[in-house]
Amino acid sequence: MILDGTFLHRPKSIVVLMDGESNAIISGIYGISENSEKQLIEFLLPLKERGLFPRSCTVDGNPQAIRVLRTLWPDIIIQRCV
């Protein structure tokens, strides 16, 4: 899976989760801060509770996102994009 965020109107951002194989959008949300661990957990935890168990995730190196991913899925492989 791929997790990325972008700021449209600071301090709010769009955070999107995408299937890396099919390029399908798994989920997305506007109005959170991609730098907030609490908000990222609130976004990702319901997906985990519905059965999302990714093997790996590509991220841009955001330390908060990496921490949240490892908290929710301790065995996940993290790949940083360049």
PDB file of N, CA and C in Angstrom:
ATOM      1  N   MET A   1       0.838  -1.150   0.000  1.00  0.00           N
ATOM      2  CA  MET A   1       0.000   0.000   0.000  1.00  0.00           C
ATOM      3  C   MET A   1       0.891   1.223   0.000  1.00  0.00           C
ATOM      4  N   ILE A   2       0.308   2.348  -0.371  1.00  0.00           N
ATOM      5  CA  ILE A   2       1.016   3.624  -0.432  1.00  0.00           C
ATOM      6  C   ILE A   2       0.226   4.621   0.402  1.00  0.00           C
ATOM      7  N   LEU A   3       0.922   5.344   1.271  1.00  0.00           N
ATOM      8  CA  LEU A   3       0.296   6.372   2.102  1.00  0.00           C
ATOM      9  C   LEU A   3       0.976   7.693   1.793  1.00  0.00           C
ATOM     10  N   ASP A   4       0.179   8.696   1.433  1.00  0.00           N
ATOM     11  CA  ASP A   4       0.762   9.999   1.135  1.00  0.00           C
ATOM     12  C   ASP A   4      -0.219  11.091   1.504  1.00  0.00           C
ATOM     13  N   GLY A   5       0.311  12.237   1.766  1.00  0.00           N
ATOM     14  CA  GLY A   5      -0.514  13.393   2.080  1.00  0.00           C
ATOM     15  C   GLY A   5       0.034  14.618   1.389  1.00  0.00           C
ATOM     16  N   THR A   6      -0.842  15.573   1.170  1.00  0.00           N
ATOM     17  CA  THR A   6      -0.417  16.845   0.602  1.00  0.00           C
ATOM     18  C   THR A   6      -1.246  17.958   1.211  1.00  0.00           C
ATOM     19  N   PHE A   7      -0.624  19.100   1.372  1.00  0.00           N
ATOM     20  CA  PHE A   7      -1.321  20.252   1.926  1.00  0.00           C
ATOM     21  C   PHE A   7      -1.954  21.048   0.799  1.00  0.00           C
ATOM     22  N   LEU A   8      -3.259  21.272   0.888  1.00  0.00           N
ATOM     23  CA  LEU A   8      -3.950  22.134  -0.061  1.00  0.00           C
ATOM     24  C   LEU A   8      -4.108  23.527   0.524  1.00  0.00           C
ATOM     25  N   HIS A   9      -4.574  23.570   1.735  1.00  0.00           N
ATOM     26  CA  HIS A   9      -4.750  24.829   2.457  1.00  0.00           C
ATOM     27  C   HIS A   9      -4.248  24.598   3.867  1.00  0.00           C
ATOM     28  N   ARG A  10      -3.019  24.999   4.127  1.00  0.00           N
ATOM     29  CA  ARG A  10      -2.431  24.769   5.451  1.00  0.00           C
ATOM     30  C   ARG A  10      -3.329  25.300   6.539  1.00  0.00           C
ATOM     31  N   PRO A  11      -3.438  24.636   7.664  1.00  0.00           N
ATOM     32  CA  PRO A  11      -2.694  23.466   8.126  1.00  0.00           C
ATOM     33  C   PRO A  11      -3.370  22.146   7.777  1.00  0.00           C
ATOM     34  N   LYS A  12      -4.443  22.184   6.979  1.00  0.00           N
ATOM     35  CA  LYS A  12      -5.162  20.949   6.648  1.00  0.00           C
ATOM     36  C   LYS A  12      -4.560  20.298   5.414  1.00  0.00           C
ATOM     37  N   SER A  13      -4.647  18.970   5.391  1.00  0.00           N
ATOM     38  CA  SER A  13      -4.100  18.245   4.247  1.00  0.00           C
ATOM     39  C   SER A  13      -5.056  17.147   3.811  1.00  0.00           C
ATOM     40  N   ILE A  14      -4.752  16.596   2.647  1.00  0.00           N
ATOM     41  CA  ILE A  14      -5.430  15.400   2.155  1.00  0.00           C
ATOM     42  C   ILE A  14      -4.475  14.239   2.400  1.00  0.00           C
ATOM     43  N   VAL A  15      -4.979  13.162   2.975  1.00  0.00           N
ATOM     44  CA  VAL A  15      -4.191  11.950   3.177  1.00  0.00           C
ATOM     45  C   VAL A  15      -4.904  10.834   2.424  1.00  0.00           C
ATOM     46  N   VAL A  16      -4.142  10.114   1.600  1.00  0.00           N
ATOM     47  CA  VAL A  16      -4.713   9.073   0.750  1.00  0.00           C
ATOM     48  C   VAL A  16      -3.940   7.776   0.955  1.00  0.00           C
ATOM     49  N   LEU A  17      -4.690   6.686   0.977  1.00  0.00           N
ATOM     50  CA  LEU A  17      -4.133   5.343   1.083  1.00  0.00           C
ATOM     51  C   LEU A  17      -4.499   4.602  -0.194  1.00  0.00           C
ATOM     52  N   MET A  18      -3.490   4.045  -0.868  1.00  0.00           N
ATOM     53  CA  MET A  18      -3.706   3.424  -2.170  1.00  0.00           C
ATOM     54  C   MET A  18      -3.129   2.013  -2.187  1.00  0.00           C
ATOM     55  N   ASP A  19      -3.796   1.116  -2.902  1.00  0.00           N
ATOM     56  CA  ASP A  19      -3.287  -0.233  -3.129  1.00  0.00           C
ATOM     57  C   ASP A  19      -2.159  -0.126  -4.152  1.00  0.00           C
ATOM     58  N   GLY A  20      -0.967  -0.532  -3.766  1.00  0.00           N
ATOM     59  CA  GLY A  20       0.194  -0.409  -4.633  1.00  0.00           C
ATOM     60  C   GLY A  20       0.175  -1.324  -5.841  1.00  0.00           C
ATOM     61  N   GLU A  21      -0.618  -2.386  -5.813  1.00  0.00           N
ATOM     62  CA  GLU A  21      -0.685  -3.307  -6.944  1.00  0.00           C
ATOM     63  C   GLU A  21      -1.730  -2.885  -7.963  1.00  0.00           C
ATOM     64  N   SER A  22      -2.919  -2.536  -7.486  1.00  0.00           N
ATOM     65  CA  SER A  22      -4.015  -2.208  -8.409  1.00  0.00           C
ATOM     66  C   SER A  22      -4.161  -0.712  -8.653  1.00  0.00           C
ATOM     67  N   ASN A  23      -3.447   0.105  -7.876  1.00  0.00           N
ATOM     68  CA  ASN A  23      -3.568   1.567  -7.926  1.00  0.00           C
ATOM     69  C   ASN A  23      -4.945   2.065  -7.512  1.00  0.00           C
ATOM     70  N   ALA A  24      -5.729   1.216  -6.865  1.00  0.00           N
ATOM     71  CA  ALA A  24      -7.057   1.617  -6.394  1.00  0.00           C
ATOM     72  C   ALA A  24      -6.917   2.395  -5.085  1.00  0.00           C
ATOM     73  N   ILE A  25      -7.733   3.419  -4.939  1.00  0.00           N
ATOM     74  CA  ILE A  25      -7.766   4.177  -3.699  1.00  0.00           C
ATOM     75  C   ILE A  25      -8.480   3.333  -2.640  1.00  0.00           C
ATOM     76  N   ILE A  26      -7.814   3.089  -1.526  1.00  0.00           N
ATOM     77  CA  ILE A  26      -8.413   2.347  -0.421  1.00  0.00           C
ATOM     78  C   ILE A  26      -9.257   3.290   0.416  1.00  0.00           C
ATOM     79  N   SER A  27      -8.688   4.450   0.723  1.00  0.00           N
ATOM     80  CA  SER A  27      -9.401   5.439   1.523  1.00  0.00           C
ATOM     81  C   SER A  27      -8.664   6.763   1.425  1.00  0.00           C
ATOM     82  N   GLY A  28      -9.380   7.821   1.690  1.00  0.00           N
ATOM     83  CA  GLY A  28      -8.777   9.145   1.711  1.00  0.00           C
ATOM     84  C   GLY A  28      -9.567  10.045   2.631  1.00  0.00           C
ATOM     85  N   ILE A  29      -8.921  11.079   3.112  1.00  0.00           N
ATOM     86  CA  ILE A  29      -9.590  12.005   4.020  1.00  0.00           C
ATOM     87  C   ILE A  29      -8.987  13.393   3.840  1.00  0.00           C
ATOM     88  N   TYR A  30      -9.842  14.402   3.933  1.00  0.00           N
ATOM     89  CA  TYR A  30      -9.391  15.791   3.879  1.00  0.00           C
ATOM     90  C   TYR A  30      -9.653  16.436   5.229  1.00  0.00           C
ATOM     91  N   GLY A  31      -8.779  17.306   5.624  1.00  0.00           N
ATOM     92  CA  GLY A  31      -9.006  18.088   6.825  1.00  0.00           C
ATOM     93  C   GLY A  31      -8.224  17.630   8.034  1.00  0.00           C
ATOM     94  N   ILE A  32      -7.281  16.722   7.817  1.00  0.00           N
ATOM     95  CA  ILE A  32      -6.434  16.304   8.931  1.00  0.00           C
ATOM     96  C   ILE A  32      -5.010  16.768   8.657  1.00  0.00           C
ATOM     97  N   SER A  33      -4.180  16.664   9.653  1.00  0.00           N
ATOM     98  CA  SER A  33      -2.769  16.971   9.480  1.00  0.00           C
ATOM     99  C   SER A  33      -2.012  15.660   9.334  1.00  0.00           C
ATOM    100  N   GLU A  34      -1.286  15.518   8.249  1.00  0.00           N
ATOM    101  CA  GLU A  34      -0.518  14.287   8.063  1.00  0.00           C
ATOM    102  C   GLU A  34       0.624  14.184   9.068  1.00  0.00           C
ATOM    103  N   ASN A  35       0.859  15.250   9.814  1.00  0.00           N
ATOM    104  CA  ASN A  35       1.901  15.239  10.838  1.00  0.00           C
ATOM    105  C   ASN A  35       1.355  14.930  12.228  1.00  0.00           C
ATOM    106  N   SER A  36       0.070  14.648  12.327  1.00  0.00           N
ATOM    107  CA  SER A  36      -0.554  14.347  13.615  1.00  0.00           C
ATOM    108  C   SER A  36      -0.732  12.839  13.770  1.00  0.00           C
ATOM    109  N   GLU A  37       0.006  12.253  14.704  1.00  0.00           N
ATOM    110  CA  GLU A  37      -0.129  10.813  14.934  1.00  0.00           C
ATOM    111  C   GLU A  37      -1.552  10.463  15.349  1.00  0.00           C
ATOM    112  N   LYS A  38      -2.154  11.280  16.201  1.00  0.00           N
ATOM    113  CA  LYS A  38      -3.518  11.020  16.667  1.00  0.00           C
ATOM    114  C   LYS A  38      -4.494  10.981  15.493  1.00  0.00           C
ATOM    115  N   GLN A  39      -4.402  11.948  14.592  1.00  0.00           N
ATOM    116  CA  GLN A  39      -5.319  11.989  13.453  1.00  0.00           C
ATOM    117  C   GLN A  39      -5.050  10.858  12.471  1.00  0.00           C
ATOM    118  N   LEU A  40      -3.793  10.486  12.286  1.00  0.00           N
ATOM    119  CA  LEU A  40      -3.482   9.355  11.404  1.00  0.00           C
ATOM    120  C   LEU A  40      -4.020   8.049  11.984  1.00  0.00           C
ATOM    121  N   ILE A  41      -3.905   7.875  13.296  1.00  0.00           N
ATOM    122  CA  ILE A  41      -4.463   6.673  13.929  1.00  0.00           C
ATOM    123  C   ILE A  41      -5.977   6.645  13.755  1.00  0.00           C
ATOM    124  N   GLU A  42      -6.633   7.794  13.957  1.00  0.00           N
ATOM    125  CA  GLU A  42      -8.090   7.858  13.788  1.00  0.00           C
ATOM    126  C   GLU A  42      -8.501   7.536  12.350  1.00  0.00           C
ATOM    127  N   PHE A  43      -7.651   7.835  11.382  1.00  0.00           N
ATOM    128  CA  PHE A  43      -7.912   7.530   9.975  1.00  0.00           C
ATOM    129  C   PHE A  43      -7.662   6.047   9.673  1.00  0.00           C
ATOM    130  N   LEU A  44      -6.566   5.499  10.193  1.00  0.00           N
ATOM    131  CA  LEU A  44      -6.155   4.140   9.827  1.00  0.00           C
ATOM    132  C   LEU A  44      -6.764   3.038  10.692  1.00  0.00           C
ATOM    133  N   LEU A  45      -7.029   3.303  11.956  1.00  0.00           N
ATOM    134  CA  LEU A  45      -7.531   2.259  12.852  1.00  0.00           C
ATOM    135  C   LEU A  45      -8.834   1.621  12.372  1.00  0.00           C
ATOM    136  N   PRO A  46      -9.825   2.386  11.902  1.00  0.00           N
ATOM    137  CA  PRO A  46     -11.038   1.733  11.394  1.00  0.00           C
ATOM    138  C   PRO A  46     -10.761   0.804  10.207  1.00  0.00           C
ATOM    139  N   LEU A  47      -9.762   1.140   9.390  1.00  0.00           N
ATOM    140  CA  LEU A  47      -9.404   0.273   8.263  1.00  0.00           C
ATOM    141  C   LEU A  47      -8.806  -1.035   8.780  1.00  0.00           C
ATOM    142  N   LYS A  48      -7.971  -0.944   9.801  1.00  0.00           N
ATOM    143  CA  LYS A  48      -7.415  -2.157  10.409  1.00  0.00           C
ATOM    144  C   LYS A  48      -8.530  -3.002  11.009  1.00  0.00           C
ATOM    145  N   GLU A  49      -9.452  -2.351  11.695  1.00  0.00           N
ATOM    146  CA  GLU A  49     -10.557  -3.076  12.333  1.00  0.00           C
ATOM    147  C   GLU A  49     -11.459  -3.759  11.313  1.00  0.00           C
ATOM    148  N   ARG A  50     -11.486  -3.243  10.077  1.00  0.00           N
ATOM    149  CA  ARG A  50     -12.275  -3.867   9.004  1.00  0.00           C
ATOM    150  C   ARG A  50     -11.468  -4.908   8.234  1.00  0.00           C
ATOM    151  N   GLY A  51     -10.221  -5.171   8.671  1.00  0.00           N
ATOM    152  CA  GLY A  51      -9.465  -6.260   8.073  1.00  0.00           C
ATOM    153  C   GLY A  51      -8.269  -5.873   7.226  1.00  0.00           C
ATOM    154  N   LEU A  52      -7.895  -4.617   7.188  1.00  0.00           N
ATOM    155  CA  LEU A  52      -6.728  -4.215   6.403  1.00  0.00           C
ATOM    156  C   LEU A  52      -5.454  -4.623   7.138  1.00  0.00           C
ATOM    157  N   PHE A  53      -4.679  -5.526   6.530  1.00  0.00           N
ATOM    158  CA  PHE A  53      -3.413  -5.978   7.099  1.00  0.00           C
ATOM    159  C   PHE A  53      -2.350  -5.979   5.997  1.00  0.00           C
ATOM    160  N   PRO A  54      -1.778  -4.812   5.711  1.00  0.00           N
ATOM    161  CA  PRO A  54      -0.797  -4.708   4.629  1.00  0.00           C
ATOM    162  C   PRO A  54       0.535  -5.354   4.995  1.00  0.00           C
ATOM    163  N   ARG A  55       1.186  -5.914   3.987  1.00  0.00           N
ATOM    164  CA  ARG A  55       2.536  -6.460   4.172  1.00  0.00           C
ATOM    165  C   ARG A  55       3.568  -5.351   4.174  1.00  0.00           C
ATOM    166  N   SER A  56       3.321  -4.330   3.335  1.00  0.00           N
ATOM    167  CA  SER A  56       4.287  -3.242   3.223  1.00  0.00           C
ATOM    168  C   SER A  56       3.564  -1.937   2.916  1.00  0.00           C
ATOM    169  N   CYS A  57       4.278  -0.844   3.143  1.00  0.00           N
ATOM    170  CA  CYS A  57       3.716   0.468   2.841  1.00  0.00           C
ATOM    171  C   CYS A  57       4.843   1.383   2.374  1.00  0.00           C
ATOM    172  N   THR A  58       4.599   2.095   1.297  1.00  0.00           N
ATOM    173  CA  THR A  58       5.529   3.095   0.801  1.00  0.00           C
ATOM    174  C   THR A  58       5.080   4.456   1.310  1.00  0.00           C
ATOM    175  N   VAL A  59       6.007   5.175   1.922  1.00  0.00           N
ATOM    176  CA  VAL A  59       5.722   6.501   2.471  1.00  0.00           C
ATOM    177  C   VAL A  59       6.846   7.451   2.074  1.00  0.00           C
ATOM    178  N   ASP A  60       6.597   8.754   2.273  1.00  0.00           N
ATOM    179  CA  ASP A  60       7.595   9.750   1.890  1.00  0.00           C
ATOM    180  C   ASP A  60       8.621  10.042   2.977  1.00  0.00           C
ATOM    181  N   GLY A  61       8.611   9.291   4.049  1.00  0.00           N
ATOM    182  CA  GLY A  61       9.579   9.491   5.114  1.00  0.00           C
ATOM    183  C   GLY A  61       9.027  10.252   6.296  1.00  0.00           C
ATOM    184  N   ASN A  62       7.754  10.614   6.265  1.00  0.00           N
ATOM    185  CA  ASN A  62       7.112  11.316   7.371  1.00  0.00           C
ATOM    186  C   ASN A  62       7.249  10.465   8.637  1.00  0.00           C
ATOM    187  N   PRO A  63       7.987  10.942   9.652  1.00  0.00           N
ATOM    188  CA  PRO A  63       8.225  10.111  10.837  1.00  0.00           C
ATOM    189  C   PRO A  63       6.952   9.770  11.605  1.00  0.00           C
ATOM    190  N   GLN A  64       5.980  10.669  11.608  1.00  0.00           N
ATOM    191  CA  GLN A  64       4.726  10.386  12.302  1.00  0.00           C
ATOM    192  C   GLN A  64       3.978   9.250  11.611  1.00  0.00           C
ATOM    193  N   ALA A  65       3.932   9.279  10.294  1.00  0.00           N
ATOM    194  CA  ALA A  65       3.255   8.221   9.540  1.00  0.00           C
ATOM    195  C   ALA A  65       3.942   6.874   9.769  1.00  0.00           C
ATOM    196  N   ILE A  66       5.258   6.871   9.753  1.00  0.00           N
ATOM    197  CA  ILE A  66       6.002   5.627   9.971  1.00  0.00           C
ATOM    198  C   ILE A  66       5.720   5.075  11.365  1.00  0.00           C
ATOM    199  N   ARG A  67       5.726   5.945  12.373  1.00  0.00           N
ATOM    200  CA  ARG A  67       5.436   5.504  13.746  1.00  0.00           C
ATOM    201  C   ARG A  67       4.040   4.910  13.863  1.00  0.00           C
ATOM    202  N   VAL A  68       3.057   5.566  13.248  1.00  0.00           N
ATOM    203  CA  VAL A  68       1.674   5.081  13.311  1.00  0.00           C
ATOM    204  C   VAL A  68       1.551   3.737  12.602  1.00  0.00           C
ATOM    205  N   LEU A  69       2.143   3.610  11.427  1.00  0.00           N
ATOM    206  CA  LEU A  69       2.082   2.343  10.697  1.00  0.00           C
ATOM    207  C   LEU A  69       2.691   1.214  11.523  1.00  0.00           C
ATOM    208  N   ARG A  70       3.822   1.476  12.154  1.00  0.00           N
ATOM    209  CA  ARG A  70       4.482   0.441  12.966  1.00  0.00           C
ATOM    210  C   ARG A  70       3.712   0.148  14.250  1.00  0.00           C
ATOM    211  N   THR A  71       2.983   1.126  14.751  1.00  0.00           N
ATOM    212  CA  THR A  71       2.150   0.900  15.937  1.00  0.00           C
ATOM    213  C   THR A  71       0.979  -0.011  15.595  1.00  0.00           C
ATOM    214  N   LEU A  72       0.317   0.285  14.473  1.00  0.00           N
ATOM    215  CA  LEU A  72      -0.862  -0.490  14.085  1.00  0.00           C
ATOM    216  C   LEU A  72      -0.500  -1.853  13.506  1.00  0.00           C
ATOM    217  N   TRP A  73       0.584  -1.912  12.746  1.00  0.00           N
ATOM    218  CA  TRP A  73       1.018  -3.149  12.096  1.00  0.00           C
ATOM    219  C   TRP A  73       2.517  -3.346  12.374  1.00  0.00           C
ATOM    220  N   PRO A  74       2.873  -3.908  13.522  1.00  0.00           N
ATOM    221  CA  PRO A  74       4.283  -4.006  13.929  1.00  0.00           C
ATOM    222  C   PRO A  74       5.195  -4.714  12.924  1.00  0.00           C
ATOM    223  N   ASP A  75       4.666  -5.638  12.135  1.00  0.00           N
ATOM    224  CA  ASP A  75       5.502  -6.394  11.197  1.00  0.00           C
ATOM    225  C   ASP A  75       5.538  -5.797   9.796  1.00  0.00           C
ATOM    226  N   ILE A  76       4.947  -4.628   9.605  1.00  0.00           N
ATOM    227  CA  ILE A  76       4.878  -4.035   8.266  1.00  0.00           C
ATOM    228  C   ILE A  76       6.280  -3.650   7.779  1.00  0.00           C
ATOM    229  N   ILE A  77       6.510  -3.840   6.497  1.00  0.00           N
ATOM    230  CA  ILE A  77       7.751  -3.405   5.861  1.00  0.00           C
ATOM    231  C   ILE A  77       7.518  -1.979   5.374  1.00  0.00           C
ATOM    232  N   ILE A  78       8.387  -1.054   5.775  1.00  0.00           N
ATOM    233  CA  ILE A  78       8.270   0.341   5.365  1.00  0.00           C
ATOM    234  C   ILE A  78       9.273   0.606   4.250  1.00  0.00           C
ATOM    235  N   GLN A  79       8.787   1.113   3.132  1.00  0.00           N
ATOM    236  CA  GLN A  79       9.630   1.512   2.001  1.00  0.00           C
ATOM    237  C   GLN A  79       9.503   3.020   1.845  1.00  0.00           C
ATOM    238  N   ARG A  80      10.621   3.716   1.879  1.00  0.00           N
ATOM    239  CA  ARG A  80      10.582   5.164   1.668  1.00  0.00           C
ATOM    240  C   ARG A  80      10.774   5.465   0.195  1.00  0.00           C
ATOM    241  N   CYS A  81       9.901   6.325  -0.326  1.00  0.00           N
ATOM    242  CA  CYS A  81      10.063   6.731  -1.723  1.00  0.00           C
ATOM    243  C   CYS A  81      11.043   7.896  -1.785  1.00  0.00           C
ATOM    244  N   VAL A  82      11.615   8.101  -2.940  1.00  0.00           N
ATOM    245  CA  VAL A  82      12.565   9.196  -3.112  1.00  0.00           C
ATOM    246  C   VAL A  82      12.058  10.201  -4.098  1.00  0.00           C
TER     247      VAL A  82
END
